[in-house]
């Protein structure tokens, strides 16, 4: 997605009334608003293009059809992309990285943020972070191993099977 798309989403913010063009205020339950805020907070760690899609939908109340018109794709594509992004934001791995990244070395934190949070390809992560592909793979494997080890530990209050 291009910077033109990001500019279109920002420009559409002033043209779209609350409620996604229906001219009415979205009345959300408090628990749904908290969930929306949680999604928007985690979206800050996505790429700018993915963040714009999530913010357009959750913050600006734009419909999939409106976002699709800005991007130039079918509304079904936008819906599928939103489902994928929300599943990614809700994944245990995403939460694990957010909780642990402050304890990691610069290389591991960079790889985690670019490759696992922003879902950039390995090659792009290596190029942008000025690391070798070997280091990116090694750090990714180390993060996944830490995550899997944490998943295997018995949780307090849970019985071992």
N, C-alpha and C. Protein backbone atom coordinates (compact mmCIF):
# COMPACT_ATOMS: atom_id res chain seq x y z
N UNK A 1 0.84 -1.17 0.00
CA UNK A 1 0.00 0.00 0.00
C UNK A 1 0.88 1.24 0.00
N UNK A 2 0.44 2.21 -0.71
CA UNK A 2 1.29 3.38 -0.91
C UNK A 2 1.00 4.47 0.11
N UNK A 3 1.88 5.46 0.10
CA UNK A 3 1.66 6.62 0.97
C UNK A 3 0.43 7.39 0.51
N UNK A 4 0.07 7.24 -0.77
CA UNK A 4 -1.15 7.87 -1.28
C UNK A 4 -2.37 7.33 -0.54
N UNK A 5 -2.37 6.02 -0.27
CA UNK A 5 -3.46 5.41 0.49
C UNK A 5 -3.55 6.02 1.88
N UNK A 6 -2.41 6.17 2.55
CA UNK A 6 -2.39 6.74 3.89
C UNK A 6 -2.91 8.17 3.88
N UNK A 7 -2.56 8.92 2.86
CA UNK A 7 -3.05 10.30 2.73
C UNK A 7 -4.55 10.31 2.48
N UNK A 8 -5.04 9.34 1.68
CA UNK A 8 -6.47 9.26 1.40
C UNK A 8 -7.26 8.94 2.66
N UNK A 9 -6.74 8.04 3.50
CA UNK A 9 -7.43 7.71 4.74
C UNK A 9 -7.48 8.93 5.64
N UNK A 10 -6.38 9.66 5.74
CA UNK A 10 -6.35 10.86 6.56
C UNK A 10 -7.31 11.91 6.02
N UNK A 11 -7.37 12.08 4.71
CA UNK A 11 -8.27 13.05 4.11
C UNK A 11 -9.72 12.63 4.28
N UNK A 12 -9.99 11.35 4.21
CA UNK A 12 -11.35 10.85 4.35
C UNK A 12 -11.88 11.05 5.75
N UNK A 13 -10.99 11.19 6.71
CA UNK A 13 -11.40 11.40 8.10
C UNK A 13 -12.29 12.64 8.21
N UNK A 14 -11.97 13.68 7.47
CA UNK A 14 -12.76 14.90 7.56
C UNK A 14 -14.05 14.80 6.74
N UNK A 15 -14.09 13.87 5.77
CA UNK A 15 -15.27 13.73 4.92
C UNK A 15 -16.27 12.71 5.42
N UNK A 16 -15.87 11.87 6.35
CA UNK A 16 -16.76 10.80 6.82
C UNK A 16 -17.32 11.19 8.17
N UNK A 17 -18.64 11.37 8.27
CA UNK A 17 -19.22 11.66 9.58
C UNK A 17 -19.13 10.44 10.47
N UNK A 18 -19.27 10.63 11.77
CA UNK A 18 -19.26 9.49 12.69
C UNK A 18 -20.36 8.53 12.28
N UNK A 19 -20.05 7.24 12.36
CA UNK A 19 -21.01 6.24 11.96
C UNK A 19 -20.73 5.71 10.58
N UNK A 20 -19.57 6.04 10.01
CA UNK A 20 -19.17 5.45 8.74
C UNK A 20 -20.00 5.92 7.56
N UNK A 21 -20.41 7.20 7.55
CA UNK A 21 -21.12 7.72 6.41
C UNK A 21 -22.63 7.64 6.55
N UNK A 22 -23.12 7.10 7.63
CA UNK A 22 -24.56 6.98 7.81
C UNK A 22 -25.13 8.20 8.50
N UNK A 23 -24.29 9.14 8.92
CA UNK A 23 -24.75 10.36 9.53
C UNK A 23 -25.24 10.21 10.95
N UNK A 24 -24.91 9.09 11.59
CA UNK A 24 -25.33 8.87 12.98
C UNK A 24 -24.11 8.55 13.82
N UNK A 25 -24.21 8.83 15.10
CA UNK A 25 -23.12 8.53 16.03
C UNK A 25 -23.14 7.03 16.34
N UNK A 26 -21.97 6.41 16.34
CA UNK A 26 -21.89 5.00 16.71
C UNK A 26 -22.04 4.90 18.21
N UNK A 27 -23.05 4.16 18.65
CA UNK A 27 -23.29 3.98 20.08
C UNK A 27 -22.74 2.61 20.47
N UNK A 28 -21.58 2.62 21.10
CA UNK A 28 -20.94 1.36 21.46
C UNK A 28 -21.03 1.13 22.94
N UNK A 29 -21.20 -0.13 23.29
CA UNK A 29 -21.21 -0.50 24.70
C UNK A 29 -19.85 -0.21 25.29
N UNK A 30 -19.77 0.10 26.59
CA UNK A 30 -18.47 0.41 27.21
C UNK A 30 -17.44 -0.70 27.03
N UNK A 31 -17.87 -1.96 27.14
CA UNK A 31 -16.90 -3.05 26.98
C UNK A 31 -16.41 -3.16 25.54
N UNK A 32 -17.26 -2.83 24.58
CA UNK A 32 -16.82 -2.84 23.18
C UNK A 32 -15.85 -1.69 22.93
N UNK A 33 -16.10 -0.53 23.54
CA UNK A 33 -15.20 0.61 23.38
C UNK A 33 -13.83 0.29 23.96
N UNK A 34 -13.80 -0.39 25.11
CA UNK A 34 -12.51 -0.79 25.70
C UNK A 34 -11.79 -1.75 24.75
N UNK A 35 -12.53 -2.66 24.15
CA UNK A 35 -11.93 -3.60 23.19
C UNK A 35 -11.38 -2.84 21.99
N UNK A 36 -12.14 -1.86 21.50
CA UNK A 36 -11.67 -1.04 20.38
C UNK A 36 -10.40 -0.29 20.75
N UNK A 37 -10.35 0.27 21.95
CA UNK A 37 -9.15 1.00 22.40
C UNK A 37 -7.95 0.06 22.48
N UNK A 38 -8.18 -1.15 22.95
CA UNK A 38 -7.13 -2.15 23.06
C UNK A 38 -6.58 -2.49 21.67
N UNK A 39 -7.48 -2.68 20.71
CA UNK A 39 -7.06 -2.98 19.33
C UNK A 39 -6.29 -1.80 18.76
N UNK A 40 -6.79 -0.59 18.97
CA UNK A 40 -6.11 0.60 18.45
C UNK A 40 -4.73 0.78 19.06
N UNK A 41 -4.59 0.47 20.36
CA UNK A 41 -3.28 0.57 21.01
C UNK A 41 -2.30 -0.43 20.39
N UNK A 42 -2.73 -1.66 20.21
CA UNK A 42 -1.84 -2.66 19.61
C UNK A 42 -1.54 -2.35 18.15
N UNK A 43 -2.46 -1.69 17.46
CA UNK A 43 -2.25 -1.35 16.05
C UNK A 43 -1.09 -0.39 15.87
N UNK A 44 -0.70 0.31 16.93
CA UNK A 44 0.44 1.23 16.83
C UNK A 44 1.73 0.49 16.47
N UNK A 45 1.78 -0.82 16.70
CA UNK A 45 2.98 -1.60 16.41
C UNK A 45 2.97 -2.21 15.01
N UNK A 46 1.92 -1.97 14.23
CA UNK A 46 1.82 -2.49 12.87
C UNK A 46 2.51 -1.56 11.88
N UNK A 47 2.62 -2.00 10.64
CA UNK A 47 3.14 -1.13 9.59
C UNK A 47 2.16 0.02 9.38
N UNK A 48 2.61 1.14 8.83
CA UNK A 48 1.70 2.27 8.62
C UNK A 48 0.46 1.91 7.78
N UNK A 49 0.63 1.09 6.76
CA UNK A 49 -0.51 0.72 5.91
C UNK A 49 -1.52 -0.12 6.69
N UNK A 50 -1.05 -1.11 7.44
CA UNK A 50 -1.96 -1.93 8.24
C UNK A 50 -2.61 -1.10 9.34
N UNK A 51 -1.84 -0.23 9.96
CA UNK A 51 -2.36 0.64 11.01
C UNK A 51 -3.48 1.53 10.46
N UNK A 52 -3.30 2.05 9.25
CA UNK A 52 -4.31 2.92 8.64
C UNK A 52 -5.62 2.16 8.43
N UNK A 53 -5.55 0.90 8.04
CA UNK A 53 -6.76 0.10 7.85
C UNK A 53 -7.48 -0.09 9.18
N UNK A 54 -6.74 -0.48 10.21
CA UNK A 54 -7.35 -0.70 11.53
C UNK A 54 -7.92 0.60 12.08
N UNK A 55 -7.17 1.69 11.97
CA UNK A 55 -7.66 2.97 12.49
C UNK A 55 -8.86 3.47 11.68
N UNK A 56 -8.84 3.26 10.39
CA UNK A 56 -9.98 3.67 9.57
C UNK A 56 -11.25 2.96 10.00
N UNK A 57 -11.13 1.69 10.30
CA UNK A 57 -12.29 0.89 10.69
C UNK A 57 -12.71 1.16 12.13
N UNK A 58 -11.77 1.10 13.06
CA UNK A 58 -12.11 1.20 14.49
C UNK A 58 -12.21 2.63 15.00
N UNK A 59 -11.36 3.51 14.53
CA UNK A 59 -11.32 4.86 15.08
C UNK A 59 -12.21 5.82 14.29
N UNK A 60 -12.22 5.68 12.98
CA UNK A 60 -12.97 6.62 12.15
C UNK A 60 -14.33 6.08 11.75
N UNK A 61 -14.60 4.82 12.05
CA UNK A 61 -15.91 4.24 11.75
C UNK A 61 -16.17 4.03 10.27
N UNK A 62 -15.11 3.88 9.48
CA UNK A 62 -15.28 3.68 8.04
C UNK A 62 -15.68 2.23 7.78
N UNK A 63 -16.52 2.04 6.77
CA UNK A 63 -16.94 0.69 6.40
C UNK A 63 -15.87 0.05 5.52
N UNK A 64 -16.01 -1.26 5.33
CA UNK A 64 -15.08 -1.97 4.45
C UNK A 64 -15.18 -1.43 3.02
N UNK A 65 -16.39 -1.06 2.61
CA UNK A 65 -16.56 -0.52 1.25
C UNK A 65 -15.84 0.82 1.10
N UNK A 66 -15.91 1.67 2.14
CA UNK A 66 -15.23 2.96 2.07
C UNK A 66 -13.71 2.77 2.04
N UNK A 67 -13.20 1.88 2.90
CA UNK A 67 -11.76 1.60 2.89
C UNK A 67 -11.33 1.00 1.56
N UNK A 68 -12.16 0.10 1.02
CA UNK A 68 -11.84 -0.53 -0.26
C UNK A 68 -11.77 0.51 -1.37
N UNK A 69 -12.66 1.49 -1.32
CA UNK A 69 -12.63 2.56 -2.33
C UNK A 69 -11.35 3.37 -2.26
N UNK A 70 -10.84 3.59 -1.04
CA UNK A 70 -9.59 4.33 -0.89
C UNK A 70 -8.39 3.53 -1.35
N UNK A 71 -8.41 2.24 -1.07
CA UNK A 71 -7.28 1.38 -1.41
C UNK A 71 -7.33 0.98 -2.89
N UNK A 72 -8.54 0.80 -3.39
CA UNK A 72 -8.70 0.36 -4.77
C UNK A 72 -8.79 -1.16 -4.88
N UNK A 73 -9.38 -1.81 -3.86
CA UNK A 73 -9.56 -3.26 -3.88
C UNK A 73 -11.02 -3.58 -3.58
N UNK A 74 -11.37 -4.83 -3.67
CA UNK A 74 -12.73 -5.29 -3.38
C UNK A 74 -12.99 -5.23 -1.87
N UNK A 75 -14.21 -4.87 -1.45
CA UNK A 75 -14.52 -4.82 -0.01
C UNK A 75 -14.26 -6.15 0.72
N UNK A 76 -14.44 -7.27 0.03
CA UNK A 76 -14.16 -8.57 0.65
C UNK A 76 -12.69 -8.72 1.01
N UNK A 77 -11.83 -8.12 0.20
CA UNK A 77 -10.40 -8.14 0.48
C UNK A 77 -10.10 -7.36 1.76
N UNK A 78 -10.77 -6.22 1.93
CA UNK A 78 -10.57 -5.42 3.14
C UNK A 78 -11.08 -6.19 4.36
N UNK A 79 -12.25 -6.83 4.24
CA UNK A 79 -12.79 -7.60 5.37
C UNK A 79 -11.83 -8.74 5.76
N UNK A 80 -11.34 -9.45 4.76
CA UNK A 80 -10.41 -10.55 5.03
C UNK A 80 -9.14 -10.02 5.68
N UNK A 81 -8.62 -8.91 5.20
CA UNK A 81 -7.41 -8.31 5.77
C UNK A 81 -7.65 -7.88 7.22
N UNK A 82 -8.82 -7.31 7.50
CA UNK A 82 -9.16 -6.91 8.87
C UNK A 82 -9.21 -8.13 9.79
N UNK A 83 -9.83 -9.21 9.32
CA UNK A 83 -9.88 -10.44 10.14
C UNK A 83 -8.47 -10.94 10.44
N UNK A 84 -7.60 -10.91 9.44
CA UNK A 84 -6.22 -11.35 9.64
C UNK A 84 -5.49 -10.45 10.63
N UNK A 85 -5.67 -9.14 10.49
CA UNK A 85 -5.00 -8.20 11.38
C UNK A 85 -5.49 -8.33 12.82
N UNK A 86 -6.79 -8.47 13.01
CA UNK A 86 -7.33 -8.61 14.36
C UNK A 86 -6.86 -9.92 14.98
N UNK A 87 -6.84 -11.00 14.21
CA UNK A 87 -6.33 -12.27 14.73
C UNK A 87 -4.86 -12.13 15.13
N UNK A 88 -4.09 -11.40 14.33
CA UNK A 88 -2.67 -11.17 14.64
C UNK A 88 -2.52 -10.35 15.92
N UNK A 89 -3.33 -9.28 16.05
CA UNK A 89 -3.25 -8.43 17.23
C UNK A 89 -3.66 -9.17 18.50
N UNK A 90 -4.57 -10.13 18.38
CA UNK A 90 -5.05 -10.88 19.54
C UNK A 90 -4.21 -12.12 19.85
N UNK A 91 -3.26 -12.43 19.00
CA UNK A 91 -2.50 -13.66 19.17
C UNK A 91 -1.64 -13.62 20.44
N UNK A 92 -1.46 -14.77 21.08
CA UNK A 92 -0.61 -14.82 22.27
C UNK A 92 0.83 -14.41 21.98
N UNK A 93 1.32 -14.70 20.78
CA UNK A 93 2.69 -14.32 20.41
C UNK A 93 2.84 -12.80 20.41
N UNK A 94 1.85 -12.08 19.91
CA UNK A 94 1.89 -10.63 19.88
C UNK A 94 2.01 -10.08 21.31
N UNK A 95 1.18 -10.59 22.21
CA UNK A 95 1.23 -10.15 23.61
C UNK A 95 2.55 -10.51 24.27
N UNK A 96 3.07 -11.69 23.97
CA UNK A 96 4.35 -12.12 24.52
C UNK A 96 5.46 -11.16 24.11
N UNK A 97 5.50 -10.79 22.84
CA UNK A 97 6.55 -9.89 22.34
C UNK A 97 6.42 -8.52 23.00
N UNK A 98 5.20 -8.01 23.12
CA UNK A 98 5.02 -6.71 23.77
C UNK A 98 5.50 -6.74 25.22
N UNK A 99 5.25 -7.85 25.90
CA UNK A 99 5.63 -7.96 27.30
C UNK A 99 7.14 -8.15 27.48
N UNK A 100 7.79 -8.83 26.56
CA UNK A 100 9.19 -9.21 26.73
C UNK A 100 10.19 -8.32 26.02
N UNK A 101 9.77 -7.54 25.06
CA UNK A 101 10.73 -6.84 24.20
C UNK A 101 11.65 -5.88 24.95
N UNK A 102 11.23 -5.36 26.07
CA UNK A 102 12.07 -4.47 26.85
C UNK A 102 13.26 -5.17 27.49
N UNK A 103 13.19 -6.47 27.61
CA UNK A 103 14.26 -7.27 28.22
C UNK A 103 15.27 -7.80 27.20
N UNK A 104 14.99 -7.64 25.94
CA UNK A 104 15.80 -8.23 24.90
C UNK A 104 16.89 -7.28 24.40
N UNK A 105 17.88 -7.88 23.75
CA UNK A 105 18.95 -7.10 23.12
C UNK A 105 18.35 -6.28 21.97
N UNK A 106 19.10 -5.31 21.50
CA UNK A 106 18.64 -4.46 20.41
C UNK A 106 18.30 -5.27 19.17
N UNK A 107 19.17 -6.23 18.81
CA UNK A 107 18.92 -7.05 17.63
C UNK A 107 17.63 -7.85 17.77
N UNK A 108 17.44 -8.51 18.91
CA UNK A 108 16.26 -9.34 19.11
C UNK A 108 15.00 -8.47 19.11
N UNK A 109 15.05 -7.33 19.75
CA UNK A 109 13.89 -6.43 19.80
C UNK A 109 13.55 -5.93 18.39
N UNK A 110 14.57 -5.56 17.63
CA UNK A 110 14.34 -5.07 16.27
C UNK A 110 13.71 -6.14 15.40
N UNK A 111 14.25 -7.35 15.47
CA UNK A 111 13.70 -8.46 14.68
C UNK A 111 12.27 -8.76 15.11
N UNK A 112 12.02 -8.77 16.41
CA UNK A 112 10.67 -9.05 16.91
C UNK A 112 9.68 -8.01 16.40
N UNK A 113 10.05 -6.76 16.48
CA UNK A 113 9.13 -5.70 16.07
C UNK A 113 8.90 -5.70 14.56
N UNK A 114 9.97 -5.83 13.79
CA UNK A 114 9.83 -5.74 12.33
C UNK A 114 9.25 -7.01 11.72
N UNK A 115 9.76 -8.16 12.13
CA UNK A 115 9.35 -9.40 11.47
C UNK A 115 8.10 -10.01 12.10
N UNK A 116 8.02 -10.05 13.42
CA UNK A 116 6.91 -10.74 14.06
C UNK A 116 5.72 -9.84 14.38
N UNK A 117 5.95 -8.58 14.72
CA UNK A 117 4.83 -7.69 14.98
C UNK A 117 4.32 -7.04 13.69
N UNK A 118 5.24 -6.49 12.90
CA UNK A 118 4.83 -5.81 11.67
C UNK A 118 4.66 -6.77 10.50
N UNK A 119 5.07 -8.01 10.67
CA UNK A 119 4.96 -9.07 9.67
C UNK A 119 5.68 -8.73 8.36
N UNK A 120 6.84 -8.10 8.50
CA UNK A 120 7.67 -7.83 7.32
C UNK A 120 8.42 -9.12 6.96
N UNK A 121 8.69 -9.36 5.69
CA UNK A 121 9.45 -10.55 5.30
C UNK A 121 10.86 -10.55 5.90
N UNK A 122 11.46 -11.73 6.00
CA UNK A 122 12.80 -11.87 6.57
C UNK A 122 13.81 -10.99 5.83
N UNK A 123 13.77 -11.02 4.53
CA UNK A 123 14.74 -10.27 3.74
C UNK A 123 14.59 -8.77 3.98
N UNK A 124 13.37 -8.27 4.02
CA UNK A 124 13.15 -6.85 4.28
C UNK A 124 13.58 -6.48 5.70
N UNK A 125 13.31 -7.36 6.66
CA UNK A 125 13.73 -7.12 8.04
C UNK A 125 15.25 -7.02 8.11
N UNK A 126 15.94 -7.93 7.43
CA UNK A 126 17.40 -7.91 7.44
C UNK A 126 17.93 -6.63 6.79
N UNK A 127 17.35 -6.25 5.67
CA UNK A 127 17.81 -5.05 4.96
C UNK A 127 17.57 -3.79 5.78
N UNK A 128 16.37 -3.64 6.32
CA UNK A 128 16.03 -2.42 7.07
C UNK A 128 16.77 -2.32 8.40
N UNK A 129 17.08 -3.46 9.01
CA UNK A 129 17.73 -3.44 10.33
C UNK A 129 19.25 -3.55 10.22
N UNK A 130 19.77 -3.69 9.00
CA UNK A 130 21.21 -3.82 8.76
C UNK A 130 21.77 -5.03 9.48
N UNK A 131 21.00 -6.13 9.45
CA UNK A 131 21.44 -7.41 10.01
C UNK A 131 21.51 -8.42 8.88
N UNK A 132 22.24 -9.49 9.11
CA UNK A 132 22.29 -10.56 8.11
C UNK A 132 21.04 -11.42 8.23
N UNK A 133 20.74 -12.15 7.17
CA UNK A 133 19.60 -13.08 7.20
C UNK A 133 19.81 -14.13 8.30
N UNK A 134 21.04 -14.54 8.48
CA UNK A 134 21.34 -15.53 9.51
C UNK A 134 20.96 -15.01 10.90
N UNK A 135 21.32 -13.78 11.20
CA UNK A 135 21.00 -13.20 12.52
C UNK A 135 19.49 -13.05 12.67
N UNK A 136 18.80 -12.62 11.62
CA UNK A 136 17.35 -12.46 11.69
C UNK A 136 16.69 -13.82 11.97
N UNK A 137 17.12 -14.86 11.26
CA UNK A 137 16.56 -16.20 11.49
C UNK A 137 16.88 -16.69 12.90
N UNK A 138 18.11 -16.49 13.34
CA UNK A 138 18.52 -16.93 14.68
C UNK A 138 17.70 -16.24 15.77
N UNK A 139 17.51 -14.93 15.65
CA UNK A 139 16.73 -14.19 16.64
C UNK A 139 15.25 -14.61 16.60
N UNK A 140 14.72 -14.82 15.41
CA UNK A 140 13.33 -15.28 15.29
C UNK A 140 13.15 -16.64 15.95
N UNK A 141 14.09 -17.55 15.70
CA UNK A 141 14.02 -18.88 16.32
C UNK A 141 14.12 -18.78 17.84
N UNK A 142 14.97 -17.90 18.34
CA UNK A 142 15.13 -17.73 19.79
C UNK A 142 13.84 -17.19 20.42
N UNK A 143 13.20 -16.24 19.76
CA UNK A 143 11.94 -15.68 20.27
C UNK A 143 10.86 -16.76 20.30
N UNK A 144 10.75 -17.51 19.21
CA UNK A 144 9.73 -18.57 19.16
C UNK A 144 10.00 -19.65 20.20
N UNK A 145 11.27 -19.97 20.43
CA UNK A 145 11.62 -20.96 21.45
C UNK A 145 11.24 -20.46 22.84
N UNK A 146 11.49 -19.20 23.13
CA UNK A 146 11.09 -18.63 24.42
C UNK A 146 9.57 -18.68 24.58
N UNK A 147 8.86 -18.33 23.53
CA UNK A 147 7.40 -18.33 23.57
C UNK A 147 6.87 -19.75 23.81
N UNK A 148 7.40 -20.72 23.07
CA UNK A 148 6.95 -22.10 23.23
C UNK A 148 7.28 -22.65 24.62
N UNK A 149 8.44 -22.29 25.15
CA UNK A 149 8.81 -22.73 26.50
C UNK A 149 7.83 -22.16 27.52
N UNK A 150 7.43 -20.93 27.33
CA UNK A 150 6.47 -20.31 28.23
C UNK A 150 5.11 -20.99 28.14
N UNK A 151 4.73 -21.41 26.95
CA UNK A 151 3.45 -22.08 26.75
C UNK A 151 3.42 -23.45 27.41
N UNK A 152 4.58 -24.09 27.52
CA UNK A 152 4.65 -25.43 28.11
C UNK A 152 4.69 -25.41 29.63
N UNK A 153 5.06 -24.25 30.21
CA UNK A 153 5.11 -24.14 31.67
C UNK A 153 3.71 -24.21 32.24
N UNK A 154 3.53 -24.95 33.36
CA UNK A 154 2.21 -24.97 33.97
C UNK A 154 1.87 -23.58 34.53
N UNK A 155 0.65 -23.14 34.26
CA UNK A 155 0.20 -21.83 34.72
C UNK A 155 -0.30 -21.95 36.16
N UNK A 156 -0.10 -20.92 36.99
CA UNK A 156 -0.63 -20.96 38.35
C UNK A 156 -2.15 -21.12 38.32
N UNK A 157 -2.65 -22.01 39.16
CA UNK A 157 -4.07 -22.23 39.23
C UNK A 157 -4.59 -23.23 38.22
N UNK A 158 -3.72 -23.71 37.32
CA UNK A 158 -4.11 -24.71 36.34
C UNK A 158 -3.54 -26.05 36.74
N UNK A 159 -4.32 -27.08 36.51
CA UNK A 159 -3.82 -28.42 36.79
C UNK A 159 -3.05 -28.93 35.57
N UNK A 160 -1.97 -29.64 35.85
CA UNK A 160 -1.20 -30.27 34.77
C UNK A 160 -1.99 -31.46 34.27
N UNK A 161 -1.95 -31.70 32.98
CA UNK A 161 -2.69 -32.83 32.39
C UNK A 161 -1.85 -34.04 32.30
